[in-house]
Amino acid sequence: MPQVLSQEQVARLIDGAEFPFHRILLMTLYATGARRAEVAHLKISDIDSRRMVIHIRGGKGRKDRDVMLSPKLLDALRVYWRGLKRKPTD
């Protein structure tokens, strides 16, 4: 059986990330419940801040789905984006 982490353990894991990129990845994984490969394939255009969803393309079973985007994650993604020296293109 997989072990379920407490909120404190998750917070320590995220706060313990050495680099901002790793921190935002962990936050996205935890907040959306998406799989690692799904998060790795996300594009900027997949984030819909108006509808507060993230569009996952080609997930399990090669199906698309939308997952909720929390306000806290959206704020963290925006802070991370502003801090990037080179902005990726979609």
PDB file of N, CA and C in Angstrom:
ATOM      1  N   MET A   1       0.843  -1.183   0.000  1.00  0.00           N
ATOM      2  CA  MET A   1       0.000   0.000   0.000  1.00  0.00           C
ATOM      3  C   MET A   1       0.887   1.246   0.000  1.00  0.00           C
ATOM      4  N   PRO A   2       0.555   2.220  -0.845  1.00  0.00           N
ATOM      5  CA  PRO A   2       1.306   3.461  -0.823  1.00  0.00           C
ATOM      6  C   PRO A   2       1.013   4.238   0.455  1.00  0.00           C
ATOM      7  N   GLN A   3       2.008   4.962   0.898  1.00  0.00           N
ATOM      8  CA  GLN A   3       1.851   5.753   2.112  1.00  0.00           C
ATOM      9  C   GLN A   3       1.341   7.144   1.740  1.00  0.00           C
ATOM     10  N   VAL A   4       0.306   7.597   2.424  1.00  0.00           N
ATOM     11  CA  VAL A   4      -0.250   8.926   2.201  1.00  0.00           C
ATOM     12  C   VAL A   4       0.477   9.902   3.115  1.00  0.00           C
ATOM     13  N   LEU A   5       0.991  10.979   2.516  1.00  0.00           N
ATOM     14  CA  LEU A   5       1.722  11.972   3.294  1.00  0.00           C
ATOM     15  C   LEU A   5       0.755  12.949   3.950  1.00  0.00           C
ATOM     16  N   SER A   6       1.138  13.428   5.122  1.00  0.00           N
ATOM     17  CA  SER A   6       0.337  14.450   5.788  1.00  0.00           C
ATOM     18  C   SER A   6       0.583  15.796   5.118  1.00  0.00           C
ATOM     19  N   GLN A   7      -0.250  16.779   5.414  1.00  0.00           N
ATOM     20  CA  GLN A   7      -0.070  18.115   4.848  1.00  0.00           C
ATOM     21  C   GLN A   7       1.281  18.705   5.253  1.00  0.00           C
ATOM     22  N   GLU A   8       1.701  18.445   6.474  1.00  0.00           N
ATOM     23  CA  GLU A   8       2.994  18.951   6.949  1.00  0.00           C
ATOM     24  C   GLU A   8       4.149  18.304   6.181  1.00  0.00           C
ATOM     25  N   GLN A   9       4.034  17.020   5.913  1.00  0.00           N
ATOM     26  CA  GLN A   9       5.081  16.326   5.169  1.00  0.00           C
ATOM     27  C   GLN A   9       5.157  16.841   3.730  1.00  0.00           C
ATOM     28  N   VAL A  10       4.015  17.077   3.129  1.00  0.00           N
ATOM     29  CA  VAL A  10       3.987  17.610   1.764  1.00  0.00           C
ATOM     30  C   VAL A  10       4.600  19.009   1.748  1.00  0.00           C
ATOM     31  N   ALA A  11       4.250  19.836   2.726  1.00  0.00           N
ATOM     32  CA  ALA A  11       4.804  21.194   2.807  1.00  0.00           C
ATOM     33  C   ALA A  11       6.320  21.152   2.967  1.00  0.00           C
ATOM     34  N   ARG A  12       6.821  20.257   3.791  1.00  0.00           N
ATOM     35  CA  ARG A  12       8.279  20.134   3.975  1.00  0.00           C
ATOM     36  C   ARG A  12       8.948  19.669   2.686  1.00  0.00           C
ATOM     37  N   LEU A  13       8.306  18.748   1.980  1.00  0.00           N
ATOM     38  CA  LEU A  13       8.857  18.254   0.718  1.00  0.00           C
ATOM     39  C   LEU A  13       8.953  19.381  -0.310  1.00  0.00           C
ATOM     40  N   ILE A  14       7.889  20.149  -0.454  1.00  0.00           N
ATOM     41  CA  ILE A  14       7.878  21.251  -1.414  1.00  0.00           C
ATOM     42  C   ILE A  14       8.861  22.342  -1.004  1.00  0.00           C
ATOM     43  N   ASP A  15       8.849  22.718   0.268  1.00  0.00           N
ATOM     44  CA  ASP A  15       9.752  23.767   0.750  1.00  0.00           C
ATOM     45  C   ASP A  15      11.213  23.336   0.699  1.00  0.00           C
ATOM     46  N   GLY A  16      11.453  22.043   0.715  1.00  0.00           N
ATOM     47  CA  GLY A  16      12.815  21.530   0.689  1.00  0.00           C
ATOM     48  C   GLY A  16      13.417  21.440  -0.705  1.00  0.00           C
ATOM     49  N   ALA A  17      12.627  21.760  -1.720  1.00  0.00           N
ATOM     50  CA  ALA A  17      13.141  21.710  -3.097  1.00  0.00           C
ATOM     51  C   ALA A  17      14.271  22.717  -3.244  1.00  0.00           C
ATOM     52  N   GLU A  18      15.361  22.287  -3.840  1.00  0.00           N
ATOM     53  CA  GLU A  18      16.555  23.126  -3.947  1.00  0.00           C
ATOM     54  C   GLU A  18      16.406  24.226  -4.989  1.00  0.00           C
ATOM     55  N   PHE A  19      15.723  23.938  -6.081  1.00  0.00           N
ATOM     56  CA  PHE A  19      15.597  24.898  -7.176  1.00  0.00           C
ATOM     57  C   PHE A  19      14.126  25.286  -7.367  1.00  0.00           C
ATOM     58  N   PRO A  20      13.870  26.530  -7.803  1.00  0.00           N
ATOM     59  CA  PRO A  20      12.485  26.964  -8.031  1.00  0.00           C
ATOM     60  C   PRO A  20      11.736  26.071  -9.022  1.00  0.00           C
ATOM     61  N   PHE A  21      12.428  25.578 -10.047  1.00  0.00           N
ATOM     62  CA  PHE A  21      11.791  24.694 -11.027  1.00  0.00           C
ATOM     63  C   PHE A  21      11.278  23.428 -10.354  1.00  0.00           C
ATOM     64  N   HIS A  22      12.080  22.836  -9.483  1.00  0.00           N
ATOM     65  CA  HIS A  22      11.657  21.618  -8.784  1.00  0.00           C
ATOM     66  C   HIS A  22      10.490  21.914  -7.852  1.00  0.00           C
ATOM     67  N   ARG A  23      10.528  23.075  -7.210  1.00  0.00           N
ATOM     68  CA  ARG A  23       9.447  23.466  -6.298  1.00  0.00           C
ATOM     69  C   ARG A  23       8.130  23.596  -7.060  1.00  0.00           C
ATOM     70  N   ILE A  24       8.154  24.259  -8.214  1.00  0.00           N
ATOM     71  CA  ILE A  24       6.916  24.459  -8.966  1.00  0.00           C
ATOM     72  C   ILE A  24       6.408  23.132  -9.545  1.00  0.00           C
ATOM     73  N   LEU A  25       7.318  22.237  -9.902  1.00  0.00           N
ATOM     74  CA  LEU A  25       6.902  20.901 -10.352  1.00  0.00           C
ATOM     75  C   LEU A  25       6.193  20.137  -9.241  1.00  0.00           C
ATOM     76  N   LEU A  26       6.788  20.138  -8.057  1.00  0.00           N
ATOM     77  CA  LEU A  26       6.175  19.445  -6.920  1.00  0.00           C
ATOM     78  C   LEU A  26       4.814  20.049  -6.575  1.00  0.00           C
ATOM     79  N   MET A  27       4.732  21.370  -6.603  1.00  0.00           N
ATOM     80  CA  MET A  27       3.461  22.036  -6.310  1.00  0.00           C
ATOM     81  C   MET A  27       2.396  21.653  -7.333  1.00  0.00           C
ATOM     82  N   THR A  28       2.791  21.625  -8.600  1.00  0.00           N
ATOM     83  CA  THR A  28       1.842  21.286  -9.666  1.00  0.00           C
ATOM     84  C   THR A  28       1.381  19.833  -9.544  1.00  0.00           C
ATOM     85  N   LEU A  29       2.317  18.946  -9.284  1.00  0.00           N
ATOM     86  CA  LEU A  29       1.962  17.533  -9.102  1.00  0.00           C
ATOM     87  C   LEU A  29       0.977  17.361  -7.958  1.00  0.00           C
ATOM     88  N   TYR A  30       1.269  17.993  -6.839  1.00  0.00           N
ATOM     89  CA  TYR A  30       0.425  17.830  -5.660  1.00  0.00           C
ATOM     90  C   TYR A  30      -0.940  18.496  -5.843  1.00  0.00           C
ATOM     91  N   ALA A  31      -0.943  19.709  -6.366  1.00  0.00           N
ATOM     92  CA  ALA A  31      -2.190  20.479  -6.464  1.00  0.00           C
ATOM     93  C   ALA A  31      -3.150  19.935  -7.505  1.00  0.00           C
ATOM     94  N   THR A  32      -2.624  19.329  -8.559  1.00  0.00           N
ATOM     95  CA  THR A  32      -3.497  18.854  -9.637  1.00  0.00           C
ATOM     96  C   THR A  32      -3.777  17.360  -9.573  1.00  0.00           C
ATOM     97  N   GLY A  33      -2.922  16.610  -8.925  1.00  0.00           N
ATOM     98  CA  GLY A  33      -3.078  15.157  -8.919  1.00  0.00           C
ATOM     99  C   GLY A  33      -2.672  14.534 -10.239  1.00  0.00           C
ATOM    100  N   ALA A  34      -2.017  15.325 -11.083  1.00  0.00           N
ATOM    101  CA  ALA A  34      -1.585  14.826 -12.388  1.00  0.00           C
ATOM    102  C   ALA A  34      -0.390  13.891 -12.227  1.00  0.00           C
ATOM    103  N   ARG A  35      -0.192  13.058 -13.202  1.00  0.00           N
ATOM    104  CA  ARG A  35       0.970  12.164 -13.219  1.00  0.00           C
ATOM    105  C   ARG A  35       2.206  12.921 -13.683  1.00  0.00           C
ATOM    106  N   ARG A  36       3.375  12.375 -13.358  1.00  0.00           N
ATOM    107  CA  ARG A  36       4.632  13.026 -13.700  1.00  0.00           C
ATOM    108  C   ARG A  36       4.742  13.299 -15.191  1.00  0.00           C
ATOM    109  N   ALA A  37       4.444  12.308 -16.012  1.00  0.00           N
ATOM    110  CA  ALA A  37       4.548  12.476 -17.465  1.00  0.00           C
ATOM    111  C   ALA A  37       3.558  13.524 -17.971  1.00  0.00           C
ATOM    112  N   GLU A  38       2.393  13.599 -17.342  1.00  0.00           N
ATOM    113  CA  GLU A  38       1.415  14.603 -17.750  1.00  0.00           C
ATOM    114  C   GLU A  38       1.915  16.010 -17.465  1.00  0.00           C
ATOM    115  N   VAL A  39       2.502  16.206 -16.302  1.00  0.00           N
ATOM    116  CA  VAL A  39       3.042  17.527 -15.947  1.00  0.00           C
ATOM    117  C   VAL A  39       4.234  17.867 -16.835  1.00  0.00           C
ATOM    118  N   ALA A  40       5.031  16.865 -17.169  1.00  0.00           N
ATOM    119  CA  ALA A  40       6.206  17.112 -18.008  1.00  0.00           C
ATOM    120  C   ALA A  40       5.820  17.598 -19.401  1.00  0.00           C
ATOM    121  N   HIS A  41       4.624  17.253 -19.861  1.00  0.00           N
ATOM    122  CA  HIS A  41       4.190  17.634 -21.200  1.00  0.00           C
ATOM    123  C   HIS A  41       3.305  18.879 -21.230  1.00  0.00           C
ATOM    124  N   LEU A  42       3.127  19.521 -20.083  1.00  0.00           N
ATOM    125  CA  LEU A  42       2.279  20.712 -20.048  1.00  0.00           C
ATOM    126  C   LEU A  42       2.910  21.852 -20.833  1.00  0.00           C
ATOM    127  N   LYS A  43       2.034  22.644 -21.449  1.00  0.00           N
ATOM    128  CA  LYS A  43       2.463  23.840 -22.164  1.00  0.00           C
ATOM    129  C   LYS A  43       1.787  25.040 -21.510  1.00  0.00           C
ATOM    130  N   ILE A  44       2.303  26.197 -21.774  1.00  0.00           N
ATOM    131  CA  ILE A  44       1.740  27.415 -21.214  1.00  0.00           C
ATOM    132  C   ILE A  44       0.274  27.553 -21.616  1.00  0.00           C
ATOM    133  N   SER A  45      -0.030  27.205 -22.845  1.00  0.00           N
ATOM    134  CA  SER A  45      -1.403  27.332 -23.345  1.00  0.00           C
ATOM    135  C   SER A  45      -2.369  26.362 -22.663  1.00  0.00           C
ATOM    136  N   ASP A  46      -1.862  25.376 -21.922  1.00  0.00           N
ATOM    137  CA  ASP A  46      -2.722  24.426 -21.215  1.00  0.00           C
ATOM    138  C   ASP A  46      -3.302  25.011 -19.927  1.00  0.00           C
ATOM    139  N   ILE A  47      -2.780  26.146 -19.502  1.00  0.00           N
ATOM    140  CA  ILE A  47      -3.246  26.776 -18.271  1.00  0.00           C
ATOM    141  C   ILE A  47      -4.314  27.802 -18.631  1.00  0.00           C
ATOM    142  N   ASP A  48      -5.507  27.584 -18.148  1.00  0.00           N
ATOM    143  CA  ASP A  48      -6.635  28.481 -18.410  1.00  0.00           C
ATOM    144  C   ASP A  48      -7.018  29.164 -17.100  1.00  0.00           C
ATOM    145  N   SER A  49      -6.495  30.371 -16.894  1.00  0.00           N
ATOM    146  CA  SER A  49      -6.732  31.073 -15.632  1.00  0.00           C
ATOM    147  C   SER A  49      -8.153  31.632 -15.546  1.00  0.00           C
ATOM    148  N   ARG A  50      -8.815  31.832 -16.660  1.00  0.00           N
ATOM    149  CA  ARG A  50     -10.208  32.311 -16.626  1.00  0.00           C
ATOM    150  C   ARG A  50     -11.140  31.237 -16.073  1.00  0.00           C
ATOM    151  N   ARG A  51     -10.946  30.021 -16.566  1.00  0.00           N
ATOM    152  CA  ARG A  51     -11.776  28.895 -16.113  1.00  0.00           C
ATOM    153  C   ARG A  51     -11.195  28.206 -14.894  1.00  0.00           C
ATOM    154  N   MET A  52      -9.953  28.570 -14.530  1.00  0.00           N
ATOM    155  CA  MET A  52      -9.235  27.983 -13.396  1.00  0.00           C
ATOM    156  C   MET A  52      -9.080  26.466 -13.558  1.00  0.00           C
ATOM    157  N   VAL A  53      -8.599  26.074 -14.754  1.00  0.00           N
ATOM    158  CA  VAL A  53      -8.319  24.671 -15.035  1.00  0.00           C
ATOM    159  C   VAL A  53      -6.984  24.550 -15.774  1.00  0.00           C
ATOM    160  N   ILE A  54      -6.419  23.375 -15.694  1.00  0.00           N
ATOM    161  CA  ILE A  54      -5.248  23.009 -16.487  1.00  0.00           C
ATOM    162  C   ILE A  54      -5.695  21.870 -17.389  1.00  0.00           C
ATOM    163  N   HIS A  55      -5.435  22.028 -18.671  1.00  0.00           N
ATOM    164  CA  HIS A  55      -5.837  21.010 -19.640  1.00  0.00           C
ATOM    165  C   HIS A  55      -4.702  20.002 -19.784  1.00  0.00           C
ATOM    166  N   ILE A  56      -4.965  18.754 -19.434  1.00  0.00           N
ATOM    167  CA  ILE A  56      -4.007  17.658 -19.568  1.00  0.00           C
ATOM    168  C   ILE A  56      -4.293  16.970 -20.892  1.00  0.00           C
ATOM    169  N   ARG A  57      -3.287  16.925 -21.750  1.00  0.00           N
ATOM    170  CA  ARG A  57      -3.455  16.304 -23.070  1.00  0.00           C
ATOM    171  C   ARG A  57      -2.795  14.918 -23.078  1.00  0.00           C
ATOM    172  N   GLY A  58      -3.505  13.959 -23.605  1.00  0.00           N
ATOM    173  CA  GLY A  58      -2.940  12.620 -23.775  1.00  0.00           C
ATOM    174  C   GLY A  58      -2.541  11.966 -22.473  1.00  0.00           C
ATOM    175  N   GLY A  59      -3.382  12.050 -21.476  1.00  0.00           N
ATOM    176  CA  GLY A  59      -3.110  11.415 -20.190  1.00  0.00           C
ATOM    177  C   GLY A  59      -3.273   9.910 -20.265  1.00  0.00           C
ATOM    178  N   LYS A  60      -3.588   9.317 -19.151  1.00  0.00           N
ATOM    179  CA  LYS A  60      -3.759   7.866 -19.098  1.00  0.00           C
ATOM    180  C   LYS A  60      -4.836   7.452 -20.087  1.00  0.00           C
ATOM    181  N   GLY A  61      -4.527   6.475 -20.890  1.00  0.00           N
ATOM    182  CA  GLY A  61      -5.442   6.035 -21.932  1.00  0.00           C
ATOM    183  C   GLY A  61      -5.496   7.005 -23.095  1.00  0.00           C
ATOM    184  N   ARG A  62      -4.492   7.867 -23.172  1.00  0.00           N
ATOM    185  CA  ARG A  62      -4.396   8.895 -24.225  1.00  0.00           C
ATOM    186  C   ARG A  62      -5.642   9.774 -24.294  1.00  0.00           C
ATOM    187  N   LYS A  63      -6.204  10.039 -23.141  1.00  0.00           N
ATOM    188  CA  LYS A  63      -7.390  10.878 -23.067  1.00  0.00           C
ATOM    189  C   LYS A  63      -7.019  12.251 -22.521  1.00  0.00           C
ATOM    190  N   ASP A  64      -7.722  13.258 -23.005  1.00  0.00           N
ATOM    191  CA  ASP A  64      -7.552  14.610 -22.497  1.00  0.00           C
ATOM    192  C   ASP A  64      -8.513  14.823 -21.332  1.00  0.00           C
ATOM    193  N   ARG A  65      -8.104  15.680 -20.405  1.00  0.00           N
ATOM    194  CA  ARG A  65      -8.987  16.018 -19.292  1.00  0.00           C
ATOM    195  C   ARG A  65      -8.585  17.367 -18.726  1.00  0.00           C
ATOM    196  N   ASP A  66      -9.468  17.979 -17.992  1.00  0.00           N
ATOM    197  CA  ASP A  66      -9.189  19.223 -17.301  1.00  0.00           C
ATOM    198  C   ASP A  66      -9.124  18.940 -15.809  1.00  0.00           C
ATOM    199  N   VAL A  67      -8.141  19.550 -15.153  1.00  0.00           N
ATOM    200  CA  VAL A  67      -8.027  19.437 -13.700  1.00  0.00           C
ATOM    201  C   VAL A  67      -8.124  20.834 -13.112  1.00  0.00           C
ATOM    202  N   MET A  68      -8.575  20.910 -11.883  1.00  0.00           N
ATOM    203  CA  MET A  68      -8.736  22.204 -11.231  1.00  0.00           C
ATOM    204  C   MET A  68      -7.396  22.886 -11.021  1.00  0.00           C
ATOM    205  N   LEU A  69      -7.402  24.200 -11.159  1.00  0.00           N
ATOM    206  CA  LEU A  69      -6.235  25.036 -10.910  1.00  0.00           C
ATOM    207  C   LEU A  69      -6.525  25.864  -9.673  1.00  0.00           C
ATOM    208  N   SER A  70      -5.796  25.608  -8.604  1.00  0.00           N
ATOM    209  CA  SER A  70      -6.053  26.347  -7.369  1.00  0.00           C
ATOM    210  C   SER A  70      -5.467  27.762  -7.477  1.00  0.00           C
ATOM    211  N   PRO A  71      -6.079  28.723  -6.807  1.00  0.00           N
ATOM    212  CA  PRO A  71      -5.540  30.089  -6.823  1.00  0.00           C
ATOM    213  C   PRO A  71      -4.099  30.160  -6.309  1.00  0.00           C
ATOM    214  N   LYS A  72      -3.782  29.340  -5.319  1.00  0.00           N
ATOM    215  CA  LYS A  72      -2.422  29.334  -4.766  1.00  0.00           C
ATOM    216  C   LYS A  72      -1.410  28.844  -5.807  1.00  0.00           C
ATOM    217  N   LEU A  73      -1.763  27.795  -6.548  1.00  0.00           N
ATOM    218  CA  LEU A  73      -0.870  27.296  -7.592  1.00  0.00           C
ATOM    219  C   LEU A  73      -0.747  28.316  -8.715  1.00  0.00           C
ATOM    220  N   LEU A  74      -1.845  28.940  -9.096  1.00  0.00           N
ATOM    221  CA  LEU A  74      -1.798  29.965 -10.141  1.00  0.00           C
ATOM    222  C   LEU A  74      -0.867  31.102  -9.741  1.00  0.00           C
ATOM    223  N   ASP A  75      -0.951  31.553  -8.496  1.00  0.00           N
ATOM    224  CA  ASP A  75      -0.054  32.607  -8.016  1.00  0.00           C
ATOM    225  C   ASP A  75       1.401  32.150  -8.070  1.00  0.00           C
ATOM    226  N   ALA A  76       1.656  30.916  -7.643  1.00  0.00           N
ATOM    227  CA  ALA A  76       3.029  30.389  -7.662  1.00  0.00           C
ATOM    228  C   ALA A  76       3.543  30.276  -9.100  1.00  0.00           C
ATOM    229  N   LEU A  77       2.707  29.836 -10.012  1.00  0.00           N
ATOM    230  CA  LEU A  77       3.109  29.737 -11.419  1.00  0.00           C
ATOM    231  C   LEU A  77       3.424  31.118 -11.994  1.00  0.00           C
ATOM    232  N   ARG A  78       2.630  32.117 -11.624  1.00  0.00           N
ATOM    233  CA  ARG A  78       2.880  33.480 -12.110  1.00  0.00           C
ATOM    234  C   ARG A  78       4.186  34.049 -11.557  1.00  0.00           C
ATOM    235  N   VAL A  79       4.451  33.815 -10.281  1.00  0.00           N
ATOM    236  CA  VAL A  79       5.711  34.277  -9.677  1.00  0.00           C
ATOM    237  C   VAL A  79       6.891  33.592 -10.357  1.00  0.00           C
ATOM    238  N   TYR A  80       6.770  32.293 -10.573  1.00  0.00           N
ATOM    239  CA  TYR A  80       7.840  31.550 -11.251  1.00  0.00           C
ATOM    240  C   TYR A  80       8.062  32.100 -12.661  1.00  0.00           C
ATOM    241  N   TRP A  81       6.974  32.348 -13.389  1.00  0.00           N
ATOM    242  CA  TRP A  81       7.048  32.855 -14.762  1.00  0.00           C
ATOM    243  C   TRP A  81       7.762  34.208 -14.795  1.00  0.00           C
ATOM    244  N   ARG A  82       7.391  35.099 -13.871  1.00  0.00           N
ATOM    245  CA  ARG A  82       8.018  36.430 -13.828  1.00  0.00           C
ATOM    246  C   ARG A  82       9.518  36.343 -13.554  1.00  0.00           C
ATOM    247  N   GLY A  83       9.924  35.332 -12.816  1.00  0.00           N
ATOM    248  CA  GLY A  83      11.332  35.174 -12.459  1.00  0.00           C
ATOM    249  C   GLY A  83      12.187  34.544 -13.545  1.00  0.00           C
ATOM    250  N   LEU A  84      11.577  34.026 -14.602  1.00  0.00           N
ATOM    251  CA  LEU A  84      12.347  33.389 -15.663  1.00  0.00           C
ATOM    252  C   LEU A  84      13.071  34.437 -16.508  1.00  0.00           C
ATOM    253  N   LYS A  85      14.326  34.183 -16.766  1.00  0.00           N
ATOM    254  CA  LYS A  85      15.092  35.079 -17.637  1.00  0.00           C
ATOM    255  C   LYS A  85      14.721  34.850 -19.103  1.00  0.00           C
ATOM    256  N   ARG A  86      14.579  33.584 -19.481  1.00  0.00           N
ATOM    257  CA  ARG A  86      14.167  33.207 -20.837  1.00  0.00           C
ATOM    258  C   ARG A  86      12.768  32.600 -20.746  1.00  0.00           C
ATOM    259  N   LYS A  87      11.845  33.263 -21.372  1.00  0.00           N
ATOM    260  CA  LYS A  87      10.473  32.772 -21.359  1.00  0.00           C
ATOM    261  C   LYS A  87      10.293  31.754 -22.491  1.00  0.00           C
ATOM    262  N   PRO A  88       9.874  30.539 -22.161  1.00  0.00           N
ATOM    263  CA  PRO A  88       9.653  29.559 -23.211  1.00  0.00           C
ATOM    264  C   PRO A  88       8.476  29.944 -24.083  1.00  0.00           C
ATOM    265  N   THR A  89       8.547  29.572 -25.337  1.00  0.00           N
ATOM    266  CA  THR A  89       7.419  29.783 -26.236  1.00  0.00           C
ATOM    267  C   THR A  89       6.595  28.509 -26.257  1.00  0.00           C
ATOM    268  N   ASP A  90       5.358  28.650 -26.552  1.00  0.00           N
ATOM    269  CA  ASP A  90       4.461  27.500 -26.538  1.00  0.00           C
ATOM    270  C   ASP A  90       4.686  26.619 -27.664  1.00  0.00           C
TER     271      ASP A  90
END
